């Protein structure tokens, strides 16, 4: 979405869209699943877990980091990644509200 069009929406709507976009690729979902499974900072193991090249994994990590879903710390020559707990809780809360807003009435198509 272009900058001018995104300005027509609320900050909350743009934030949700950015999160959905970041989670909208199976490789990024797989990266999140690896991090959730390990429950720790992971350096080089992510590439070993996925059928993707190092450069492709790095691109997906960058996308996740840009929206804040993950965070990374430099350790020697590697960057170790983990779930950003604060943002993860924000996502859980916001998505919970988003989905809870729908109350089926049986009156729609």
N, C-alpha and C. Protein backbone atom coordinates (compact mmCIF):
# COMPACT_ATOMS: atom_id res chain seq x y z
N UNK A 1 0.85 -1.16 0.00
CA UNK A 1 0.00 0.00 0.00
C UNK A 1 0.89 1.23 0.00
N UNK A 2 0.57 2.17 -0.85
CA UNK A 2 1.37 3.38 -0.95
C UNK A 2 1.27 4.23 0.30
N UNK A 3 2.26 5.05 0.49
CA UNK A 3 2.32 5.91 1.67
C UNK A 3 1.09 6.80 1.77
N UNK A 4 0.67 7.37 0.65
CA UNK A 4 -0.48 8.27 0.69
C UNK A 4 -1.76 7.53 1.06
N UNK A 5 -1.92 6.32 0.60
CA UNK A 5 -3.14 5.58 0.93
C UNK A 5 -3.13 5.10 2.38
N UNK A 6 -1.99 4.68 2.88
CA UNK A 6 -1.93 4.22 4.26
C UNK A 6 -2.20 5.36 5.24
N UNK A 7 -1.97 6.60 4.81
CA UNK A 7 -2.25 7.76 5.66
C UNK A 7 -3.75 7.93 5.90
N UNK A 8 -4.58 7.30 5.09
CA UNK A 8 -6.03 7.39 5.25
C UNK A 8 -6.57 6.45 6.33
N UNK A 9 -5.71 5.65 6.92
CA UNK A 9 -6.13 4.68 7.92
C UNK A 9 -5.49 5.00 9.26
N UNK A 10 -6.07 4.45 10.32
CA UNK A 10 -5.55 4.73 11.65
C UNK A 10 -4.20 4.06 11.86
N UNK A 11 -3.50 4.53 12.86
CA UNK A 11 -2.22 3.92 13.21
C UNK A 11 -2.42 2.45 13.58
N UNK A 12 -3.50 2.16 14.30
CA UNK A 12 -3.79 0.78 14.70
C UNK A 12 -4.06 -0.11 13.49
N UNK A 13 -4.79 0.41 12.51
CA UNK A 13 -5.08 -0.37 11.30
C UNK A 13 -3.80 -0.63 10.51
N UNK A 14 -2.95 0.38 10.40
CA UNK A 14 -1.67 0.20 9.70
C UNK A 14 -0.78 -0.78 10.43
N UNK A 15 -0.79 -0.74 11.75
CA UNK A 15 0.03 -1.67 12.55
C UNK A 15 -0.45 -3.11 12.34
N UNK A 16 -1.75 -3.33 12.42
CA UNK A 16 -2.30 -4.68 12.17
C UNK A 16 -1.92 -5.18 10.78
N UNK A 17 -2.05 -4.30 9.79
CA UNK A 17 -1.72 -4.68 8.42
C UNK A 17 -0.25 -5.06 8.29
N UNK A 18 0.63 -4.32 8.96
CA UNK A 18 2.06 -4.63 8.91
C UNK A 18 2.35 -5.98 9.55
N UNK A 19 1.68 -6.27 10.65
CA UNK A 19 1.86 -7.56 11.32
C UNK A 19 1.33 -8.69 10.45
N UNK A 20 0.12 -8.51 9.89
CA UNK A 20 -0.44 -9.53 9.00
C UNK A 20 0.47 -9.76 7.80
N UNK A 21 1.02 -8.68 7.26
CA UNK A 21 1.92 -8.81 6.11
C UNK A 21 3.17 -9.60 6.50
N UNK A 22 3.73 -9.29 7.67
CA UNK A 22 4.93 -10.00 8.12
C UNK A 22 4.64 -11.48 8.34
N UNK A 23 3.46 -11.79 8.81
CA UNK A 23 3.09 -13.18 9.06
C UNK A 23 2.48 -13.85 7.83
N UNK A 24 2.40 -13.11 6.72
CA UNK A 24 1.74 -13.60 5.52
C UNK A 24 2.60 -14.42 4.59
N UNK A 25 3.74 -14.88 5.05
CA UNK A 25 4.61 -15.72 4.22
C UNK A 25 4.93 -16.99 5.01
N UNK A 26 4.81 -18.16 4.38
CA UNK A 26 5.04 -19.41 5.11
C UNK A 26 6.44 -19.53 5.70
N UNK A 27 7.43 -18.94 5.07
CA UNK A 27 8.79 -19.00 5.62
C UNK A 27 8.87 -18.23 6.94
N UNK A 28 8.19 -17.09 7.01
CA UNK A 28 8.22 -16.30 8.24
C UNK A 28 7.42 -16.99 9.33
N UNK A 29 6.32 -17.64 8.97
CA UNK A 29 5.57 -18.42 9.94
C UNK A 29 6.46 -19.56 10.47
N UNK A 30 7.19 -20.21 9.58
CA UNK A 30 8.09 -21.30 10.00
C UNK A 30 9.18 -20.78 10.93
N UNK A 31 9.72 -19.61 10.64
CA UNK A 31 10.75 -19.03 11.52
C UNK A 31 10.17 -18.78 12.91
N UNK A 32 8.98 -18.20 12.96
CA UNK A 32 8.32 -17.96 14.25
C UNK A 32 8.12 -19.29 14.99
N UNK A 33 7.67 -20.32 14.27
CA UNK A 33 7.46 -21.63 14.90
C UNK A 33 8.75 -22.19 15.47
N UNK A 34 9.86 -22.03 14.77
CA UNK A 34 11.16 -22.50 15.27
C UNK A 34 11.51 -21.75 16.55
N UNK A 35 11.34 -20.44 16.54
CA UNK A 35 11.66 -19.65 17.73
C UNK A 35 10.75 -20.01 18.91
N UNK A 36 9.48 -20.25 18.63
CA UNK A 36 8.55 -20.64 19.69
C UNK A 36 8.89 -22.02 20.25
N UNK A 37 9.29 -22.92 19.37
CA UNK A 37 9.63 -24.27 19.80
C UNK A 37 10.88 -24.27 20.68
N UNK A 38 11.87 -23.50 20.30
CA UNK A 38 13.15 -23.48 21.03
C UNK A 38 13.07 -22.67 22.32
N UNK A 39 12.18 -21.66 22.35
CA UNK A 39 12.03 -20.79 23.51
C UNK A 39 13.37 -20.22 24.00
N UNK A 40 14.21 -19.84 23.07
CA UNK A 40 15.52 -19.29 23.40
C UNK A 40 16.02 -18.47 22.22
N UNK A 41 17.09 -17.73 22.45
CA UNK A 41 17.74 -17.03 21.34
C UNK A 41 18.44 -18.05 20.46
N UNK A 42 18.25 -17.92 19.17
CA UNK A 42 18.81 -18.87 18.21
C UNK A 42 19.71 -18.11 17.25
N UNK A 43 20.90 -18.64 17.03
CA UNK A 43 21.84 -17.98 16.12
C UNK A 43 21.78 -18.58 14.72
N UNK A 44 22.38 -19.72 14.53
CA UNK A 44 22.50 -20.30 13.19
C UNK A 44 21.54 -21.45 12.94
N UNK A 45 20.84 -21.89 13.97
CA UNK A 45 19.97 -23.06 13.84
C UNK A 45 18.79 -22.84 12.91
N UNK A 46 18.36 -21.61 12.72
CA UNK A 46 17.17 -21.34 11.92
C UNK A 46 17.38 -21.81 10.48
N UNK A 47 18.54 -21.53 9.93
CA UNK A 47 18.82 -21.94 8.54
C UNK A 47 18.79 -23.46 8.42
N UNK A 48 19.29 -24.15 9.44
CA UNK A 48 19.30 -25.62 9.41
C UNK A 48 17.89 -26.20 9.48
N UNK A 49 16.94 -25.45 10.03
CA UNK A 49 15.57 -25.93 10.20
C UNK A 49 14.70 -25.72 8.96
N UNK A 50 15.14 -24.85 8.06
CA UNK A 50 14.30 -24.49 6.91
C UNK A 50 14.95 -24.87 5.59
N UNK A 51 14.12 -25.15 4.59
CA UNK A 51 14.67 -25.51 3.27
C UNK A 51 14.98 -24.27 2.42
N UNK A 52 15.65 -23.31 3.03
CA UNK A 52 15.96 -22.05 2.36
C UNK A 52 17.43 -21.70 2.55
N UNK A 53 17.94 -20.87 1.65
CA UNK A 53 19.34 -20.44 1.76
C UNK A 53 19.49 -19.43 2.90
N UNK A 54 20.72 -19.25 3.33
CA UNK A 54 21.03 -18.29 4.39
C UNK A 54 20.53 -16.89 4.02
N UNK A 55 20.75 -16.48 2.78
CA UNK A 55 20.36 -15.12 2.39
C UNK A 55 18.84 -14.96 2.41
N UNK A 56 18.11 -15.98 2.01
CA UNK A 56 16.65 -15.91 2.02
C UNK A 56 16.13 -15.86 3.45
N UNK A 57 16.69 -16.69 4.32
CA UNK A 57 16.30 -16.67 5.73
C UNK A 57 16.58 -15.30 6.32
N UNK A 58 17.72 -14.72 5.99
CA UNK A 58 18.08 -13.40 6.50
C UNK A 58 17.07 -12.34 6.07
N UNK A 59 16.60 -12.43 4.83
CA UNK A 59 15.59 -11.47 4.35
C UNK A 59 14.30 -11.59 5.16
N UNK A 60 13.89 -12.83 5.43
CA UNK A 60 12.66 -13.04 6.20
C UNK A 60 12.85 -12.60 7.65
N UNK A 61 14.01 -12.85 8.21
CA UNK A 61 14.29 -12.39 9.57
C UNK A 61 14.21 -10.86 9.64
N UNK A 62 14.73 -10.20 8.63
CA UNK A 62 14.70 -8.74 8.59
C UNK A 62 13.26 -8.23 8.57
N UNK A 63 12.39 -8.88 7.80
CA UNK A 63 10.98 -8.49 7.74
C UNK A 63 10.32 -8.62 9.11
N UNK A 64 10.59 -9.73 9.79
CA UNK A 64 10.01 -9.95 11.11
C UNK A 64 10.56 -8.96 12.13
N UNK A 65 11.81 -8.64 12.00
CA UNK A 65 12.45 -7.71 12.93
C UNK A 65 11.93 -6.29 12.71
N UNK A 66 11.69 -5.91 11.47
CA UNK A 66 11.20 -4.56 11.15
C UNK A 66 9.88 -4.24 11.83
N UNK A 67 8.98 -5.23 11.94
CA UNK A 67 7.71 -4.98 12.62
C UNK A 67 7.80 -5.27 14.11
N UNK A 68 8.95 -5.76 14.55
CA UNK A 68 9.18 -5.95 15.98
C UNK A 68 8.78 -7.29 16.54
N UNK A 69 8.34 -8.22 15.69
CA UNK A 69 7.91 -9.53 16.19
C UNK A 69 9.09 -10.28 16.81
N UNK A 70 10.26 -10.11 16.22
CA UNK A 70 11.46 -10.73 16.78
C UNK A 70 12.48 -9.64 17.07
N UNK A 71 13.45 -9.98 17.88
CA UNK A 71 14.56 -9.07 18.12
C UNK A 71 15.84 -9.87 17.97
N UNK A 72 16.92 -9.17 17.71
CA UNK A 72 18.19 -9.83 17.48
C UNK A 72 19.32 -9.14 18.22
N UNK A 73 20.26 -9.94 18.67
CA UNK A 73 21.44 -9.44 19.35
C UNK A 73 22.67 -10.03 18.70
N UNK A 74 23.70 -9.20 18.56
CA UNK A 74 24.94 -9.67 17.96
C UNK A 74 25.74 -10.43 19.01
N UNK A 75 26.14 -11.63 18.64
CA UNK A 75 27.01 -12.46 19.47
C UNK A 75 28.16 -12.92 18.61
N UNK A 76 29.30 -12.30 18.78
CA UNK A 76 30.44 -12.63 17.94
C UNK A 76 30.17 -12.25 16.51
N UNK A 77 30.24 -13.25 15.61
CA UNK A 77 29.99 -12.99 14.20
C UNK A 77 28.56 -13.33 13.79
N UNK A 78 27.73 -13.70 14.76
CA UNK A 78 26.35 -14.10 14.47
C UNK A 78 25.37 -13.12 15.11
N UNK A 79 24.16 -13.14 14.58
CA UNK A 79 23.05 -12.43 15.22
C UNK A 79 22.11 -13.50 15.74
N UNK A 80 21.81 -13.42 17.02
CA UNK A 80 20.89 -14.38 17.64
C UNK A 80 19.51 -13.76 17.73
N UNK A 81 18.49 -14.53 17.38
CA UNK A 81 17.12 -14.03 17.34
C UNK A 81 16.24 -14.72 18.37
N UNK A 82 15.25 -13.97 18.85
CA UNK A 82 14.24 -14.53 19.74
C UNK A 82 12.95 -13.73 19.57
N UNK A 83 11.87 -14.25 20.12
CA UNK A 83 10.58 -13.57 20.09
C UNK A 83 10.68 -12.32 20.96
N UNK A 84 10.16 -11.21 20.46
CA UNK A 84 10.09 -9.99 21.25
C UNK A 84 8.83 -10.11 22.12
N UNK A 85 9.02 -10.41 23.39
CA UNK A 85 7.90 -10.72 24.28
C UNK A 85 6.86 -9.60 24.36
N UNK A 86 7.33 -8.37 24.42
CA UNK A 86 6.41 -7.22 24.53
C UNK A 86 5.52 -7.13 23.29
N UNK A 87 6.12 -7.24 22.11
CA UNK A 87 5.36 -7.16 20.87
C UNK A 87 4.47 -8.39 20.70
N UNK A 88 4.97 -9.56 21.10
CA UNK A 88 4.17 -10.79 21.01
C UNK A 88 2.89 -10.65 21.82
N UNK A 89 3.00 -10.09 23.03
CA UNK A 89 1.82 -9.87 23.87
C UNK A 89 0.88 -8.85 23.23
N UNK A 90 1.46 -7.80 22.63
CA UNK A 90 0.65 -6.80 21.92
C UNK A 90 -0.14 -7.46 20.80
N UNK A 91 0.53 -8.32 20.04
CA UNK A 91 -0.13 -9.00 18.92
C UNK A 91 -1.25 -9.89 19.44
N UNK A 92 -0.97 -10.66 20.49
CA UNK A 92 -2.00 -11.54 21.07
C UNK A 92 -3.22 -10.72 21.50
N UNK A 93 -2.99 -9.62 22.18
CA UNK A 93 -4.08 -8.77 22.66
C UNK A 93 -4.87 -8.19 21.50
N UNK A 94 -4.17 -7.58 20.55
CA UNK A 94 -4.84 -6.93 19.43
C UNK A 94 -5.59 -7.92 18.55
N UNK A 95 -4.98 -9.06 18.27
CA UNK A 95 -5.66 -10.05 17.44
C UNK A 95 -6.84 -10.66 18.19
N UNK A 96 -6.69 -10.83 19.50
CA UNK A 96 -7.81 -11.32 20.31
C UNK A 96 -9.00 -10.37 20.21
N UNK A 97 -8.74 -9.07 20.34
CA UNK A 97 -9.81 -8.06 20.20
C UNK A 97 -10.39 -8.06 18.79
N UNK A 98 -9.51 -8.18 17.82
CA UNK A 98 -9.92 -8.17 16.41
C UNK A 98 -10.91 -9.31 16.13
N UNK A 99 -10.56 -10.52 16.56
CA UNK A 99 -11.42 -11.67 16.30
C UNK A 99 -12.63 -11.71 17.22
N UNK A 100 -12.50 -11.21 18.43
CA UNK A 100 -13.61 -11.20 19.38
C UNK A 100 -14.68 -10.17 19.00
N UNK A 101 -14.33 -9.21 18.13
CA UNK A 101 -15.28 -8.19 17.71
C UNK A 101 -16.43 -8.77 16.89
N UNK A 102 -16.22 -9.93 16.31
CA UNK A 102 -17.27 -10.54 15.50
C UNK A 102 -18.15 -11.41 16.39
N UNK A 103 -19.43 -11.08 16.39
CA UNK A 103 -20.42 -11.86 17.14
C UNK A 103 -21.42 -12.39 16.13
N UNK A 104 -21.37 -13.70 15.83
CA UNK A 104 -22.28 -14.25 14.82
C UNK A 104 -23.75 -14.03 15.22
N UNK A 105 -24.53 -13.59 14.26
CA UNK A 105 -25.95 -13.35 14.52
C UNK A 105 -26.83 -14.31 13.73
N UNK A 106 -26.28 -14.96 12.73
CA UNK A 106 -27.06 -15.83 11.88
C UNK A 106 -27.93 -15.06 10.89
N UNK A 107 -27.76 -13.74 10.83
CA UNK A 107 -28.59 -12.89 9.97
C UNK A 107 -27.86 -12.42 8.71
N UNK A 108 -26.66 -12.93 8.49
CA UNK A 108 -25.87 -12.47 7.35
C UNK A 108 -25.87 -13.56 6.26
N UNK A 109 -25.63 -13.15 5.04
CA UNK A 109 -25.59 -14.04 3.89
C UNK A 109 -25.04 -15.38 4.28
